[in-house]
Amino acid sequence: MDTVQLRDAKASLSKLVEAAEAGEPTVITKHGREAAMLVPIAEGRKLYPAAGRSFLDHLLAYPGGLELEPEDVLRLRDVDLD
């Protein structure tokens, strides 16, 4: 795993992205401290599976489901547009 300073990462971002695509993570430091890590997308999705999903996808993934009583459904449809 490579480590680069932030200013160097800015100058060579394309190279770092290519390395990530090849499966090589890179640690980015700022003022001598580790600040971020550039990882392959597959690894990032393992850590943050919800990243990039739409709001609808989040709603559909709700594990408890959504149960409406029949009167609630009727009330939702009872709209007067006049």
N, C-alpha and C. Protein backbone atom coordinates (compact mmCIF):
# COMPACT_ATOMS: atom_id res chain seq x y z
N MET A 1 0.85 -1.17 0.00
CA MET A 1 0.00 0.00 0.00
C MET A 1 0.89 1.23 0.00
N ASP A 2 0.66 2.10 -0.96
CA ASP A 2 1.44 3.33 -1.06
C ASP A 2 0.85 4.41 -0.15
N THR A 3 1.69 5.36 0.22
CA THR A 3 1.26 6.53 0.98
C THR A 3 1.78 7.75 0.24
N VAL A 4 0.90 8.72 0.02
CA VAL A 4 1.30 9.96 -0.66
C VAL A 4 0.74 11.15 0.10
N GLN A 5 1.45 12.27 -0.01
CA GLN A 5 0.97 13.51 0.58
C GLN A 5 -0.15 14.08 -0.28
N LEU A 6 -1.01 14.84 0.31
CA LEU A 6 -2.16 15.39 -0.38
C LEU A 6 -1.77 16.16 -1.63
N ARG A 7 -0.74 17.01 -1.53
CA ARG A 7 -0.36 17.81 -2.70
C ARG A 7 0.13 16.93 -3.84
N ASP A 8 0.80 15.82 -3.50
CA ASP A 8 1.25 14.88 -4.53
C ASP A 8 0.08 14.10 -5.10
N ALA A 9 -0.90 13.79 -4.26
CA ALA A 9 -2.09 13.08 -4.73
C ALA A 9 -2.87 13.94 -5.73
N LYS A 10 -2.93 15.25 -5.46
CA LYS A 10 -3.62 16.15 -6.39
C LYS A 10 -2.92 16.14 -7.75
N ALA A 11 -1.62 16.11 -7.72
CA ALA A 11 -0.85 16.18 -8.97
C ALA A 11 -0.89 14.86 -9.75
N SER A 12 -1.14 13.77 -9.05
CA SER A 12 -1.10 12.47 -9.73
C SER A 12 -2.38 11.66 -9.52
N LEU A 13 -3.51 12.34 -9.48
CA LEU A 13 -4.78 11.66 -9.21
C LEU A 13 -5.08 10.58 -10.24
N SER A 14 -4.84 10.84 -11.51
CA SER A 14 -5.11 9.83 -12.54
C SER A 14 -4.33 8.55 -12.27
N LYS A 15 -3.07 8.70 -11.90
CA LYS A 15 -2.22 7.54 -11.61
C LYS A 15 -2.75 6.78 -10.39
N LEU A 16 -3.20 7.51 -9.38
CA LEU A 16 -3.72 6.86 -8.18
C LEU A 16 -5.03 6.13 -8.45
N VAL A 17 -5.87 6.71 -9.30
CA VAL A 17 -7.13 6.05 -9.67
C VAL A 17 -6.84 4.78 -10.46
N GLU A 18 -5.87 4.83 -11.36
CA GLU A 18 -5.47 3.63 -12.11
C GLU A 18 -4.97 2.55 -11.16
N ALA A 19 -4.21 2.95 -10.15
CA ALA A 19 -3.71 1.98 -9.17
C ALA A 19 -4.89 1.36 -8.40
N ALA A 20 -5.87 2.18 -8.03
CA ALA A 20 -7.04 1.66 -7.32
C ALA A 20 -7.81 0.69 -8.21
N GLU A 21 -7.94 1.01 -9.50
CA GLU A 21 -8.61 0.10 -10.43
C GLU A 21 -7.88 -1.24 -10.51
N ALA A 22 -6.57 -1.19 -10.34
CA ALA A 22 -5.76 -2.41 -10.38
C ALA A 22 -5.75 -3.14 -9.03
N GLY A 23 -6.48 -2.62 -8.05
CA GLY A 23 -6.58 -3.29 -6.75
C GLY A 23 -5.62 -2.80 -5.69
N GLU A 24 -4.94 -1.68 -5.94
CA GLU A 24 -3.95 -1.17 -4.99
C GLU A 24 -4.48 0.05 -4.24
N PRO A 25 -4.72 -0.06 -2.95
CA PRO A 25 -5.16 1.10 -2.18
C PRO A 25 -4.02 2.08 -1.94
N THR A 26 -4.35 3.33 -1.73
CA THR A 26 -3.37 4.38 -1.46
C THR A 26 -3.84 5.21 -0.27
N VAL A 27 -2.96 5.41 0.69
CA VAL A 27 -3.25 6.28 1.84
C VAL A 27 -2.79 7.68 1.49
N ILE A 28 -3.65 8.66 1.77
CA ILE A 28 -3.32 10.06 1.51
C ILE A 28 -3.14 10.75 2.85
N THR A 29 -2.00 11.41 3.00
CA THR A 29 -1.71 12.10 4.26
C THR A 29 -1.86 13.61 4.09
N LYS A 30 -2.16 14.25 5.20
CA LYS A 30 -2.29 15.71 5.23
C LYS A 30 -1.56 16.18 6.48
N HIS A 31 -0.56 16.99 6.28
CA HIS A 31 0.27 17.48 7.39
C HIS A 31 0.86 16.33 8.19
N GLY A 32 1.25 15.26 7.48
CA GLY A 32 1.90 14.13 8.13
C GLY A 32 0.98 13.11 8.77
N ARG A 33 -0.32 13.37 8.75
CA ARG A 33 -1.29 12.44 9.35
C ARG A 33 -2.11 11.77 8.26
N GLU A 34 -2.43 10.49 8.45
CA GLU A 34 -3.30 9.81 7.50
C GLU A 34 -4.67 10.48 7.51
N ALA A 35 -5.15 10.87 6.32
CA ALA A 35 -6.41 11.60 6.24
C ALA A 35 -7.47 10.86 5.43
N ALA A 36 -7.03 10.09 4.44
CA ALA A 36 -7.99 9.40 3.56
C ALA A 36 -7.31 8.20 2.93
N MET A 37 -8.15 7.35 2.33
CA MET A 37 -7.62 6.21 1.61
C MET A 37 -8.40 6.05 0.32
N LEU A 38 -7.69 5.90 -0.76
CA LEU A 38 -8.28 5.65 -2.08
C LEU A 38 -8.22 4.15 -2.30
N VAL A 39 -9.40 3.52 -2.41
CA VAL A 39 -9.47 2.06 -2.53
C VAL A 39 -10.23 1.67 -3.79
N PRO A 40 -10.07 0.43 -4.25
CA PRO A 40 -10.86 -0.04 -5.37
C PRO A 40 -12.35 0.02 -5.03
N ILE A 41 -13.18 0.28 -6.03
CA ILE A 41 -14.61 0.47 -5.80
C ILE A 41 -15.25 -0.75 -5.13
N ALA A 42 -14.82 -1.94 -5.48
CA ALA A 42 -15.40 -3.15 -4.86
C ALA A 42 -15.15 -3.16 -3.36
N GLU A 43 -13.97 -2.74 -2.94
CA GLU A 43 -13.66 -2.68 -1.50
C GLU A 43 -14.48 -1.60 -0.81
N GLY A 44 -14.62 -0.46 -1.46
CA GLY A 44 -15.42 0.62 -0.88
C GLY A 44 -16.88 0.22 -0.72
N ARG A 45 -17.41 -0.51 -1.69
CA ARG A 45 -18.81 -0.95 -1.61
C ARG A 45 -19.01 -1.97 -0.50
N LYS A 46 -17.97 -2.74 -0.17
CA LYS A 46 -18.08 -3.66 0.96
C LYS A 46 -18.24 -2.87 2.26
N LEU A 47 -17.50 -1.77 2.37
CA LEU A 47 -17.56 -0.96 3.58
C LEU A 47 -18.80 -0.09 3.64
N TYR A 48 -19.25 0.41 2.48
CA TYR A 48 -20.40 1.31 2.41
C TYR A 48 -21.37 0.80 1.35
N PRO A 49 -22.11 -0.26 1.66
CA PRO A 49 -22.99 -0.86 0.65
C PRO A 49 -24.09 0.07 0.17
N ALA A 50 -24.47 1.06 0.95
CA ALA A 50 -25.56 1.95 0.54
C ALA A 50 -25.09 3.10 -0.33
N ALA A 51 -23.78 3.30 -0.44
CA ALA A 51 -23.27 4.42 -1.23
C ALA A 51 -23.68 4.28 -2.69
N GLY A 52 -24.19 5.34 -3.24
CA GLY A 52 -24.56 5.35 -4.65
C GLY A 52 -25.97 4.87 -4.92
N ARG A 53 -26.67 4.39 -3.90
CA ARG A 53 -28.05 3.94 -4.11
C ARG A 53 -28.99 5.13 -4.10
N SER A 54 -30.07 5.01 -4.83
CA SER A 54 -31.06 6.08 -4.87
C SER A 54 -31.91 6.03 -3.60
N PHE A 55 -32.66 7.09 -3.37
CA PHE A 55 -33.55 7.14 -2.22
C PHE A 55 -34.59 6.03 -2.32
N LEU A 56 -35.07 5.78 -3.52
CA LEU A 56 -36.05 4.71 -3.72
C LEU A 56 -35.44 3.36 -3.35
N ASP A 57 -34.20 3.13 -3.73
CA ASP A 57 -33.54 1.88 -3.35
C ASP A 57 -33.46 1.73 -1.84
N HIS A 58 -33.19 2.83 -1.14
CA HIS A 58 -33.15 2.80 0.33
C HIS A 58 -34.52 2.42 0.89
N LEU A 59 -35.57 3.01 0.34
CA LEU A 59 -36.91 2.69 0.82
C LEU A 59 -37.27 1.23 0.56
N LEU A 60 -36.93 0.75 -0.63
CA LEU A 60 -37.26 -0.62 -0.98
C LEU A 60 -36.46 -1.63 -0.17
N ALA A 61 -35.30 -1.22 0.34
CA ALA A 61 -34.46 -2.12 1.13
C ALA A 61 -34.86 -2.14 2.60
N TYR A 62 -35.86 -1.37 2.99
CA TYR A 62 -36.29 -1.32 4.39
C TYR A 62 -36.69 -2.72 4.83
N PRO A 63 -36.02 -3.28 5.85
CA PRO A 63 -36.26 -4.69 6.20
C PRO A 63 -37.62 -4.96 6.83
N GLY A 64 -38.24 -3.96 7.43
CA GLY A 64 -39.52 -4.20 8.10
C GLY A 64 -40.71 -4.14 7.17
N GLY A 65 -40.49 -3.72 5.94
CA GLY A 65 -41.62 -3.58 5.03
C GLY A 65 -42.48 -2.39 5.43
N LEU A 66 -43.50 -2.15 4.66
CA LEU A 66 -44.40 -1.04 4.94
C LEU A 66 -45.81 -1.57 4.86
N GLU A 67 -46.50 -1.51 5.96
CA GLU A 67 -47.86 -2.02 6.00
C GLU A 67 -48.82 -0.86 6.21
N LEU A 68 -49.77 -0.75 5.30
CA LEU A 68 -50.80 0.28 5.42
C LEU A 68 -52.15 -0.40 5.63
N GLU A 69 -52.93 0.19 6.47
CA GLU A 69 -54.30 -0.29 6.65
C GLU A 69 -55.12 0.15 5.45
N PRO A 70 -56.16 -0.59 5.08
CA PRO A 70 -56.97 -0.22 3.91
C PRO A 70 -57.49 1.22 3.97
N GLU A 71 -57.86 1.68 5.17
CA GLU A 71 -58.37 3.06 5.26
C GLU A 71 -57.27 4.08 4.99
N ASP A 72 -56.01 3.74 5.30
CA ASP A 72 -54.90 4.63 4.99
C ASP A 72 -54.69 4.73 3.48
N VAL A 73 -54.81 3.62 2.79
CA VAL A 73 -54.65 3.63 1.34
C VAL A 73 -55.74 4.46 0.70
N LEU A 74 -56.97 4.29 1.16
CA LEU A 74 -58.07 5.07 0.61
C LEU A 74 -57.87 6.56 0.86
N ARG A 75 -57.38 6.90 2.05
CA ARG A 75 -57.16 8.29 2.39
C ARG A 75 -56.06 8.89 1.50
N LEU A 76 -55.04 8.11 1.18
CA LEU A 76 -53.98 8.60 0.32
C LEU A 76 -54.49 8.89 -1.09
N ARG A 77 -55.49 8.14 -1.53
CA ARG A 77 -56.00 8.31 -2.89
C ARG A 77 -57.12 9.34 -2.95
N ASP A 78 -57.63 9.74 -1.83
CA ASP A 78 -58.76 10.67 -1.80
C ASP A 78 -58.24 12.09 -1.94
N VAL A 79 -58.03 12.51 -3.18
CA VAL A 79 -57.47 13.84 -3.44
C VAL A 79 -58.41 14.56 -4.40
N ASP A 80 -58.78 15.77 -4.02
CA ASP A 80 -59.65 16.59 -4.86
C ASP A 80 -58.79 17.63 -5.56
N LEU A 81 -58.72 17.57 -6.89
CA LEU A 81 -57.88 18.48 -7.65
C LEU A 81 -58.63 19.71 -8.15
N ASP A 82 -59.91 19.85 -7.77
CA ASP A 82 -60.70 21.01 -8.22
C ASP A 82 -60.38 22.24 -7.43
